């Protein structure tokens, strides 16, 4: 329970009125709860959409859902993709890219990344029917965090000095990774049946390809890169599910 609450504290802005005696190993142990954290975020998002859709039409409920998601997560992963795009598209060498990711200022590439990731999420969500949109709103953060839990397994940390991402990257066991994947699979099956499972498989492939790409140019992952993977995977979830529903 301590590790589960720790993950909620770390990845969301949900107030947990409890202090813990922590060891560094507690963060890696909490990886198996990543899908549950995603489920909590997704449930809040789904409730937001349902309530706002009762009184508003068009894309307004979707935009408000994105706003609430940003508030609940503290824009943690959005910050990651902005920093990642500023670094990757700078076309600099590895060390300079890592320095750019540490810079608190946001550049043109980061702004464009935020705009397009949010715009595409809103556009894709607007294509779902009322029968499936709440399920996919809930499922998207679940899969995103499940994939994060998978890609950190036996991965190298890109920085010489350990940061927040280093608490997770390369620190997980086979059992913790399998538990994370199992919880994510159960959530996918419960919400969308076989379509949910197929979407999870496709999303893991996307996450693995991103890991390979980032490791090739930066010799490992960082916390910002994990945030970027989460955001891109969440977008992939929407796209893949739309394709599967259309078949």
C-alpha atoms as a PDB file:
ATOM      1  CA  UNK A   1       0.000   0.000   0.000  1.00  0.00           C
ATOM      2  CA  UNK A   2       2.865   2.377   0.785  1.00  0.00           C
ATOM      3  CA  UNK A   3       4.352   1.918  -2.675  1.00  0.00           C
ATOM      4  CA  UNK A   4       0.962   2.409  -4.330  1.00  0.00           C
ATOM      5  CA  UNK A   5       0.323   5.672  -2.455  1.00  0.00           C
ATOM      6  CA  UNK A   6       3.873   6.763  -3.254  1.00  0.00           C
ATOM      7  CA  UNK A   7       3.189   6.340  -6.970  1.00  0.00           C
ATOM      8  CA  UNK A   8       0.029   8.428  -6.670  1.00  0.00           C
ATOM      9  CA  UNK A   9       1.987  11.156  -4.897  1.00  0.00           C
ATOM     10  CA  UNK A  10       4.794  11.016  -7.453  1.00  0.00           C
ATOM     11  CA  UNK A  11       2.762  10.972 -10.663  1.00  0.00           C
ATOM     12  CA  UNK A  12      -0.303  13.040  -9.754  1.00  0.00           C
ATOM     13  CA  UNK A  13      -1.327  16.116  -7.799  1.00  0.00           C
ATOM     14  CA  UNK A  14      -3.913  14.141  -5.834  1.00  0.00           C
ATOM     15  CA  UNK A  15      -3.329  15.058  -2.170  1.00  0.00           C
ATOM     16  CA  UNK A  16      -2.248  12.115  -0.026  1.00  0.00           C
ATOM     17  CA  UNK A  17      -2.175  13.216   3.615  1.00  0.00           C
ATOM     18  CA  UNK A  18       0.453  10.708   4.652  1.00  0.00           C
ATOM     19  CA  UNK A  19       4.205  10.822   5.107  1.00  0.00           C
ATOM     20  CA  UNK A  20       6.404   7.826   4.392  1.00  0.00           C
ATOM     21  CA  UNK A  21       9.792   6.613   5.430  1.00  0.00           C
ATOM     22  CA  UNK A  22      11.241   6.006   1.992  1.00  0.00           C
ATOM     23  CA  UNK A  23      14.078   4.055   0.480  1.00  0.00           C
ATOM     24  CA  UNK A  24      15.198   4.526  -3.119  1.00  0.00           C
ATOM     25  CA  UNK A  25      14.124   0.961  -3.849  1.00  0.00           C
ATOM     26  CA  UNK A  26      10.497   1.819  -3.012  1.00  0.00           C
ATOM     27  CA  UNK A  27      10.130   3.733  -6.277  1.00  0.00           C
ATOM     28  CA  UNK A  28      11.141   0.762  -8.433  1.00  0.00           C
ATOM     29  CA  UNK A  29       8.868  -1.498  -6.395  1.00  0.00           C
ATOM     30  CA  UNK A  30       5.975   0.833  -7.174  1.00  0.00           C
ATOM     31  CA  UNK A  31       6.259   0.282 -10.935  1.00  0.00           C
ATOM     32  CA  UNK A  32       3.796  -2.602 -10.781  1.00  0.00           C
ATOM     33  CA  UNK A  33       1.173  -0.021  -9.733  1.00  0.00           C
ATOM     34  CA  UNK A  34       1.666   2.199 -12.785  1.00  0.00           C
ATOM     35  CA  UNK A  35      -1.525   0.900 -14.472  1.00  0.00           C
ATOM     36  CA  UNK A  36      -3.545   1.591 -11.307  1.00  0.00           C
ATOM     37  CA  UNK A  37      -2.280   5.165 -11.217  1.00  0.00           C
ATOM     38  CA  UNK A  38      -3.327   5.448 -14.853  1.00  0.00           C
ATOM     39  CA  UNK A  39      -6.718   3.991 -13.963  1.00  0.00           C
ATOM     40  CA  UNK A  40      -7.244   6.642 -11.283  1.00  0.00           C
ATOM     41  CA  UNK A  41      -6.289   9.422 -13.696  1.00  0.00           C
ATOM     42  CA  UNK A  42      -8.467   7.888 -16.405  1.00  0.00           C
ATOM     43  CA  UNK A  43     -11.428   7.553 -14.033  1.00  0.00           C
ATOM     44  CA  UNK A  44     -11.196  11.251 -13.129  1.00  0.00           C
ATOM     45  CA  UNK A  45     -10.961  12.117 -16.827  1.00  0.00           C
ATOM     46  CA  UNK A  46     -13.927   9.886 -17.660  1.00  0.00           C
ATOM     47  CA  UNK A  47     -16.071  11.446 -14.920  1.00  0.00           C
ATOM     48  CA  UNK A  48     -15.126  14.903 -16.182  1.00  0.00           C
ATOM     49  CA  UNK A  49     -16.195  14.052 -19.704  1.00  0.00           C
ATOM     50  CA  UNK A  50     -19.450  12.449 -18.590  1.00  0.00           C
ATOM     51  CA  UNK A  51     -20.517  15.367 -16.387  1.00  0.00           C
ATOM     52  CA  UNK A  52     -19.519  18.107 -18.826  1.00  0.00           C
ATOM     53  CA  UNK A  53     -21.127  16.316 -21.789  1.00  0.00           C
ATOM     54  CA  UNK A  54     -24.458  16.514 -19.981  1.00  0.00           C
ATOM     55  CA  UNK A  55     -24.457  20.296 -20.275  1.00  0.00           C
ATOM     56  CA  UNK A  56     -22.071  21.062 -23.150  1.00  0.00           C
ATOM     57  CA  UNK A  57     -21.913  19.995 -26.794  1.00  0.00           C
ATOM     58  CA  UNK A  58     -19.215  19.720 -29.435  1.00  0.00           C
ATOM     59  CA  UNK A  59     -15.584  19.366 -28.391  1.00  0.00           C
ATOM     60  CA  UNK A  60     -15.977  21.423 -25.208  1.00  0.00           C
ATOM     61  CA  UNK A  61     -16.252  18.330 -22.939  1.00  0.00           C
ATOM     62  CA  UNK A  62     -13.113  16.861 -24.549  1.00  0.00           C
ATOM     63  CA  UNK A  63     -11.136  20.085 -24.089  1.00  0.00           C
ATOM     64  CA  UNK A  64     -12.219  20.321 -20.450  1.00  0.00           C
ATOM     65  CA  UNK A  65     -11.233  16.676 -19.972  1.00  0.00           C
ATOM     66  CA  UNK A  66      -7.751  17.472 -21.309  1.00  0.00           C
ATOM     67  CA  UNK A  67      -7.581  20.423 -18.920  1.00  0.00           C
ATOM     68  CA  UNK A  68      -8.512  18.295 -15.916  1.00  0.00           C
ATOM     69  CA  UNK A  69      -6.009  15.634 -16.984  1.00  0.00           C
ATOM     70  CA  UNK A  70      -3.295  18.287 -17.069  1.00  0.00           C
ATOM     71  CA  UNK A  71      -4.251  19.543 -13.613  1.00  0.00           C
ATOM     72  CA  UNK A  72      -4.394  16.060 -12.104  1.00  0.00           C
ATOM     73  CA  UNK A  73      -1.010  15.027 -13.503  1.00  0.00           C
ATOM     74  CA  UNK A  74       0.645  18.404 -13.008  1.00  0.00           C
ATOM     75  CA  UNK A  75       1.539  18.336 -16.730  1.00  0.00           C
ATOM     76  CA  UNK A  76       4.379  15.991 -15.752  1.00  0.00           C
ATOM     77  CA  UNK A  77       4.445  13.990 -18.974  1.00  0.00           C
ATOM     78  CA  UNK A  78       3.605  16.984 -21.173  1.00  0.00           C
ATOM     79  CA  UNK A  79       6.681  18.679 -19.762  1.00  0.00           C
ATOM     80  CA  UNK A  80       8.615  15.552 -20.698  1.00  0.00           C
ATOM     81  CA  UNK A  81       7.595  15.575 -24.336  1.00  0.00           C
ATOM     82  CA  UNK A  82       8.246  19.320 -24.627  1.00  0.00           C
ATOM     83  CA  UNK A  83      11.770  18.945 -23.215  1.00  0.00           C
ATOM     84  CA  UNK A  84      12.380  15.860 -25.349  1.00  0.00           C
ATOM     85  CA  UNK A  85      11.411  17.583 -28.592  1.00  0.00           C
ATOM     86  CA  UNK A  86      13.483  20.654 -27.745  1.00  0.00           C
ATOM     87  CA  UNK A  87      16.475  18.347 -27.254  1.00  0.00           C
ATOM     88  CA  UNK A  88      15.981  15.846 -30.081  1.00  0.00           C
ATOM     89  CA  UNK A  89      15.220  18.430 -32.754  1.00  0.00           C
ATOM     90  CA  UNK A  90      18.143  20.627 -31.724  1.00  0.00           C
ATOM     91  CA  UNK A  91      20.358  18.206 -33.717  1.00  0.00           C
ATOM     92  CA  UNK A  92      23.113  18.560 -31.113  1.00  0.00           C
ATOM     93  CA  UNK A  93      25.370  15.926 -29.602  1.00  0.00           C
ATOM     94  CA  UNK A  94      24.242  13.698 -26.734  1.00  0.00           C
ATOM     95  CA  UNK A  95      25.559  15.781 -23.842  1.00  0.00           C
ATOM     96  CA  UNK A  96      24.085  19.007 -25.207  1.00  0.00           C
ATOM     97  CA  UNK A  97      20.728  17.299 -25.721  1.00  0.00           C
ATOM     98  CA  UNK A  98      20.729  16.186 -22.097  1.00  0.00           C
ATOM     99  CA  UNK A  99      21.538  19.736 -21.013  1.00  0.00           C
ATOM    100  CA  UNK A 100      18.649  21.100 -23.090  1.00  0.00           C
ATOM    101  CA  UNK A 101      16.254  18.645 -21.427  1.00  0.00           C
ATOM    102  CA  UNK A 102      17.339  19.943 -18.018  1.00  0.00           C
ATOM    103  CA  UNK A 103      16.686  23.558 -19.030  1.00  0.00           C
ATOM    104  CA  UNK A 104      13.446  24.830 -17.473  1.00  0.00           C
ATOM    105  CA  UNK A 105      12.806  27.104 -20.453  1.00  0.00           C
ATOM    106  CA  UNK A 106      10.725  25.814 -23.347  1.00  0.00           C
ATOM    107  CA  UNK A 107      11.709  26.299 -26.966  1.00  0.00           C
ATOM    108  CA  UNK A 108       9.871  26.410 -30.283  1.00  0.00           C
ATOM    109  CA  UNK A 109      10.001  22.656 -30.787  1.00  0.00           C
ATOM    110  CA  UNK A 110       8.598  22.069 -27.306  1.00  0.00           C
ATOM    111  CA  UNK A 111       5.705  24.459 -27.917  1.00  0.00           C
ATOM    112  CA  UNK A 112       4.916  22.791 -31.238  1.00  0.00           C
ATOM    113  CA  UNK A 113       5.055  19.348 -29.623  1.00  0.00           C
ATOM    114  CA  UNK A 114       2.563  20.395 -26.933  1.00  0.00           C
ATOM    115  CA  UNK A 115       0.251  21.964 -29.490  1.00  0.00           C
ATOM    116  CA  UNK A 116       0.182  18.979 -31.827  1.00  0.00           C
ATOM    117  CA  UNK A 117      -0.041  16.302 -29.126  1.00  0.00           C
ATOM    118  CA  UNK A 118      -3.031  18.017 -27.500  1.00  0.00           C
ATOM    119  CA  UNK A 119      -4.661  18.970 -30.799  1.00  0.00           C
ATOM    120  CA  UNK A 120      -4.392  15.420 -32.136  1.00  0.00           C
ATOM    121  CA  UNK A 121      -5.735  13.922 -28.914  1.00  0.00           C
ATOM    122  CA  UNK A 122      -8.764  16.217 -29.082  1.00  0.00           C
ATOM    123  CA  UNK A 123      -9.269  15.514 -32.800  1.00  0.00           C
ATOM    124  CA  UNK A 124      -9.050  11.730 -32.348  1.00  0.00           C
ATOM    125  CA  UNK A 125     -11.329  11.702 -29.279  1.00  0.00           C
ATOM    126  CA  UNK A 126     -13.912  13.687 -31.232  1.00  0.00           C
ATOM    127  CA  UNK A 127     -14.111  10.781 -33.708  1.00  0.00           C
ATOM    128  CA  UNK A 128     -15.242   8.249 -31.084  1.00  0.00           C
ATOM    129  CA  UNK A 129     -18.899   7.422 -30.596  1.00  0.00           C
ATOM    130  CA  UNK A 130     -20.635   8.103 -27.307  1.00  0.00           C
ATOM    131  CA  UNK A 131     -20.648   4.344 -26.693  1.00  0.00           C
ATOM    132  CA  UNK A 132     -16.856   4.065 -26.561  1.00  0.00           C
ATOM    133  CA  UNK A 133     -15.401   7.490 -25.784  1.00  0.00           C
ATOM    134  CA  UNK A 134     -15.532   7.208 -21.985  1.00  0.00           C
ATOM    135  CA  UNK A 135     -13.930   3.761 -22.070  1.00  0.00           C
ATOM    136  CA  UNK A 136     -11.061   5.029 -24.233  1.00  0.00           C
ATOM    137  CA  UNK A 137     -10.636   8.158 -22.094  1.00  0.00           C
ATOM    138  CA  UNK A 138     -10.154   5.878 -19.085  1.00  0.00           C
ATOM    139  CA  UNK A 139      -7.999   3.352 -20.926  1.00  0.00           C
ATOM    140  CA  UNK A 140      -5.548   5.753 -22.574  1.00  0.00           C
ATOM    141  CA  UNK A 141      -3.628   6.745 -19.403  1.00  0.00           C
ATOM    142  CA  UNK A 142      -3.715   3.128 -18.208  1.00  0.00           C
ATOM    143  CA  UNK A 143      -1.924   1.906 -21.338  1.00  0.00           C
ATOM    144  CA  UNK A 144       0.459   4.860 -21.360  1.00  0.00           C
ATOM    145  CA  UNK A 145       1.677   4.071 -17.863  1.00  0.00           C
ATOM    146  CA  UNK A 146       1.728   0.326 -18.480  1.00  0.00           C
ATOM    147  CA  UNK A 147       4.057   0.870 -21.412  1.00  0.00           C
ATOM    148  CA  UNK A 148       6.263   3.117 -19.262  1.00  0.00           C
ATOM    149  CA  UNK A 149       6.527   0.287 -16.757  1.00  0.00           C
ATOM    150  CA  UNK A 150       7.551  -2.118 -19.514  1.00  0.00           C
ATOM    151  CA  UNK A 151      10.166   0.003 -21.335  1.00  0.00           C
ATOM    152  CA  UNK A 152      12.215   0.785 -18.217  1.00  0.00           C
ATOM    153  CA  UNK A 153      12.988  -2.914 -17.715  1.00  0.00           C
ATOM    154  CA  UNK A 154      16.732  -3.537 -18.084  1.00  0.00           C
ATOM    155  CA  UNK A 155      17.236  -0.157 -19.706  1.00  0.00           C
ATOM    156  CA  UNK A 156      20.225   2.117 -19.191  1.00  0.00           C
ATOM    157  CA  UNK A 157      19.879   5.531 -17.563  1.00  0.00           C
ATOM    158  CA  UNK A 158      21.216   8.161 -19.960  1.00  0.00           C
ATOM    159  CA  UNK A 159      22.654  10.618 -17.437  1.00  0.00           C
ATOM    160  CA  UNK A 160      25.847  10.237 -15.456  1.00  0.00           C
ATOM    161  CA  UNK A 161      24.211  11.779 -12.375  1.00  0.00           C
ATOM    162  CA  UNK A 162      20.991  10.116 -11.271  1.00  0.00           C
ATOM    163  CA  UNK A 163      17.786  12.149 -11.499  1.00  0.00           C
ATOM    164  CA  UNK A 164      14.147  11.278 -10.868  1.00  0.00           C
ATOM    165  CA  UNK A 165      13.985   8.996 -13.894  1.00  0.00           C
ATOM    166  CA  UNK A 166      16.898   7.055 -12.503  1.00  0.00           C
ATOM    167  CA  UNK A 167      14.710   5.907  -9.623  1.00  0.00           C
ATOM    168  CA  UNK A 168      12.869   3.666 -12.103  1.00  0.00           C
ATOM    169  CA  UNK A 169      14.962   3.125 -15.218  1.00  0.00           C
ATOM    170  CA  UNK A 170      16.793  -0.185 -15.141  1.00  0.00           C
ATOM    171  CA  UNK A 171      15.796  -0.824 -11.523  1.00  0.00           C
ATOM    172  CA  UNK A 172      12.815  -3.154 -11.986  1.00  0.00           C
ATOM    173  CA  UNK A 173      12.678  -6.913 -11.682  1.00  0.00           C
ATOM    174  CA  UNK A 174      11.010  -9.408 -14.018  1.00  0.00           C
ATOM    175  CA  UNK A 175       8.221  -9.932 -11.466  1.00  0.00           C
ATOM    176  CA  UNK A 176       7.499  -6.214 -11.085  1.00  0.00           C
ATOM    177  CA  UNK A 177       7.385  -5.791 -14.861  1.00  0.00           C
ATOM    178  CA  UNK A 178       5.061  -8.778 -15.301  1.00  0.00           C
ATOM    179  CA  UNK A 179       2.742  -7.494 -12.562  1.00  0.00           C
ATOM    180  CA  UNK A 180       2.592  -4.108 -14.266  1.00  0.00           C
ATOM    181  CA  UNK A 181       1.817  -5.747 -17.612  1.00  0.00           C
ATOM    182  CA  UNK A 182      -0.773  -8.058 -16.039  1.00  0.00           C
ATOM    183  CA  UNK A 183      -2.672  -5.215 -14.368  1.00  0.00           C
ATOM    184  CA  UNK A 184      -2.641  -3.249 -17.603  1.00  0.00           C
ATOM    185  CA  UNK A 185      -3.910  -6.251 -19.564  1.00  0.00           C
ATOM    186  CA  UNK A 186      -6.775  -6.862 -17.119  1.00  0.00           C
ATOM    187  CA  UNK A 187      -7.820  -3.197 -17.344  1.00  0.00           C
ATOM    188  CA  UNK A 188      -7.725  -3.291 -21.163  1.00  0.00           C
ATOM    189  CA  UNK A 189      -9.782  -6.472 -21.316  1.00  0.00           C
ATOM    190  CA  UNK A 190     -12.325  -5.156 -18.801  1.00  0.00           C
ATOM    191  CA  UNK A 191     -12.853  -1.864 -20.626  1.00  0.00           C
ATOM    192  CA  UNK A 192     -12.657  -2.824 -24.309  1.00  0.00           C
ATOM    193  CA  UNK A 193     -12.305  -6.600 -24.495  1.00  0.00           C
ATOM    194  CA  UNK A 194     -10.094  -7.957 -27.266  1.00  0.00           C
ATOM    195  CA  UNK A 195      -9.844  -4.518 -28.862  1.00  0.00           C
ATOM    196  CA  UNK A 196      -8.300  -3.248 -25.645  1.00  0.00           C
ATOM    197  CA  UNK A 197      -5.771  -6.096 -25.590  1.00  0.00           C
ATOM    198  CA  UNK A 198      -4.832  -5.588 -29.261  1.00  0.00           C
ATOM    199  CA  UNK A 199      -4.421  -1.876 -28.582  1.00  0.00           C
ATOM    200  CA  UNK A 200      -2.138  -2.635 -25.633  1.00  0.00           C
ATOM    201  CA  UNK A 201       0.036  -4.914 -27.781  1.00  0.00           C
ATOM    202  CA  UNK A 202       0.332  -2.261 -30.512  1.00  0.00           C
ATOM    203  CA  UNK A 203       1.105   0.394 -27.897  1.00  0.00           C
ATOM    204  CA  UNK A 204       3.883  -1.716 -26.366  1.00  0.00           C
ATOM    205  CA  UNK A 205       5.429  -2.029 -29.829  1.00  0.00           C
ATOM    206  CA  UNK A 206       5.299   1.761 -30.185  1.00  0.00           C
ATOM    207  CA  UNK A 207       6.904   2.165 -26.766  1.00  0.00           C
ATOM    208  CA  UNK A 208       9.659  -0.339 -27.547  1.00  0.00           C
ATOM    209  CA  UNK A 209      10.432   1.385 -30.866  1.00  0.00           C
ATOM    210  CA  UNK A 210      10.663   4.734 -29.083  1.00  0.00           C
ATOM    211  CA  UNK A 211      12.964   3.194 -26.476  1.00  0.00           C
ATOM    212  CA  UNK A 212      15.232   1.821 -29.224  1.00  0.00           C
ATOM    213  CA  UNK A 213      15.306   5.216 -30.962  1.00  0.00           C
ATOM    214  CA  UNK A 214      16.040   7.195 -27.808  1.00  0.00           C
ATOM    215  CA  UNK A 215      18.682   4.723 -26.649  1.00  0.00           C
ATOM    216  CA  UNK A 216      20.369   4.911 -30.034  1.00  0.00           C
ATOM    217  CA  UNK A 217      20.820   8.677 -29.910  1.00  0.00           C
ATOM    218  CA  UNK A 218      21.157   9.195 -26.149  1.00  0.00           C
ATOM    219  CA  UNK A 219      22.485   5.838 -24.914  1.00  0.00           C
ATOM    220  CA  UNK A 220      19.564   5.354 -22.543  1.00  0.00           C
ATOM    221  CA  UNK A 221      16.394   6.885 -21.154  1.00  0.00           C
ATOM    222  CA  UNK A 222      15.648   9.770 -18.799  1.00  0.00           C
ATOM    223  CA  UNK A 223      12.535  10.887 -16.951  1.00  0.00           C
ATOM    224  CA  UNK A 224      11.711  13.358 -19.727  1.00  0.00           C
ATOM    225  CA  UNK A 225      11.986  10.615 -22.340  1.00  0.00           C
ATOM    226  CA  UNK A 226       9.620   8.430 -20.313  1.00  0.00           C
ATOM    227  CA  UNK A 227       7.144  11.308 -20.239  1.00  0.00           C
ATOM    228  CA  UNK A 228       7.452  11.635 -24.019  1.00  0.00           C
ATOM    229  CA  UNK A 229       6.876   7.906 -24.441  1.00  0.00           C
ATOM    230  CA  UNK A 230       3.737   8.133 -22.296  1.00  0.00           C
ATOM    231  CA  UNK A 231       2.289  11.005 -24.328  1.00  0.00           C
ATOM    232  CA  UNK A 232       3.068   9.449 -27.710  1.00  0.00           C
ATOM    233  CA  UNK A 233       1.679   6.094 -26.578  1.00  0.00           C
ATOM    234  CA  UNK A 234      -1.536   7.729 -25.313  1.00  0.00           C
ATOM    235  CA  UNK A 235      -1.947   9.280 -28.748  1.00  0.00           C
ATOM    236  CA  UNK A 236      -1.204   5.928 -30.399  1.00  0.00           C
ATOM    237  CA  UNK A 237      -3.887   4.308 -28.224  1.00  0.00           C
ATOM    238  CA  UNK A 238      -6.519   6.625 -29.680  1.00  0.00           C
ATOM    239  CA  UNK A 239      -5.347   6.099 -33.257  1.00  0.00           C
ATOM    240  CA  UNK A 240      -5.053   2.308 -33.023  1.00  0.00           C
ATOM    241  CA  UNK A 241      -8.418   1.930 -31.292  1.00  0.00           C
ATOM    242  CA  UNK A 242     -10.099   4.000 -33.980  1.00  0.00           C
ATOM    243  CA  UNK A 243      -8.606   1.710 -36.632  1.00  0.00           C
ATOM    244  CA  UNK A 244      -9.683  -1.452 -34.807  1.00  0.00           C
ATOM    245  CA  UNK A 245     -13.222  -0.166 -34.272  1.00  0.00           C
ATOM    246  CA  UNK A 246     -13.449   0.665 -37.970  1.00  0.00           C
ATOM    247  CA  UNK A 247     -12.570  -2.903 -39.026  1.00  0.00           C
END
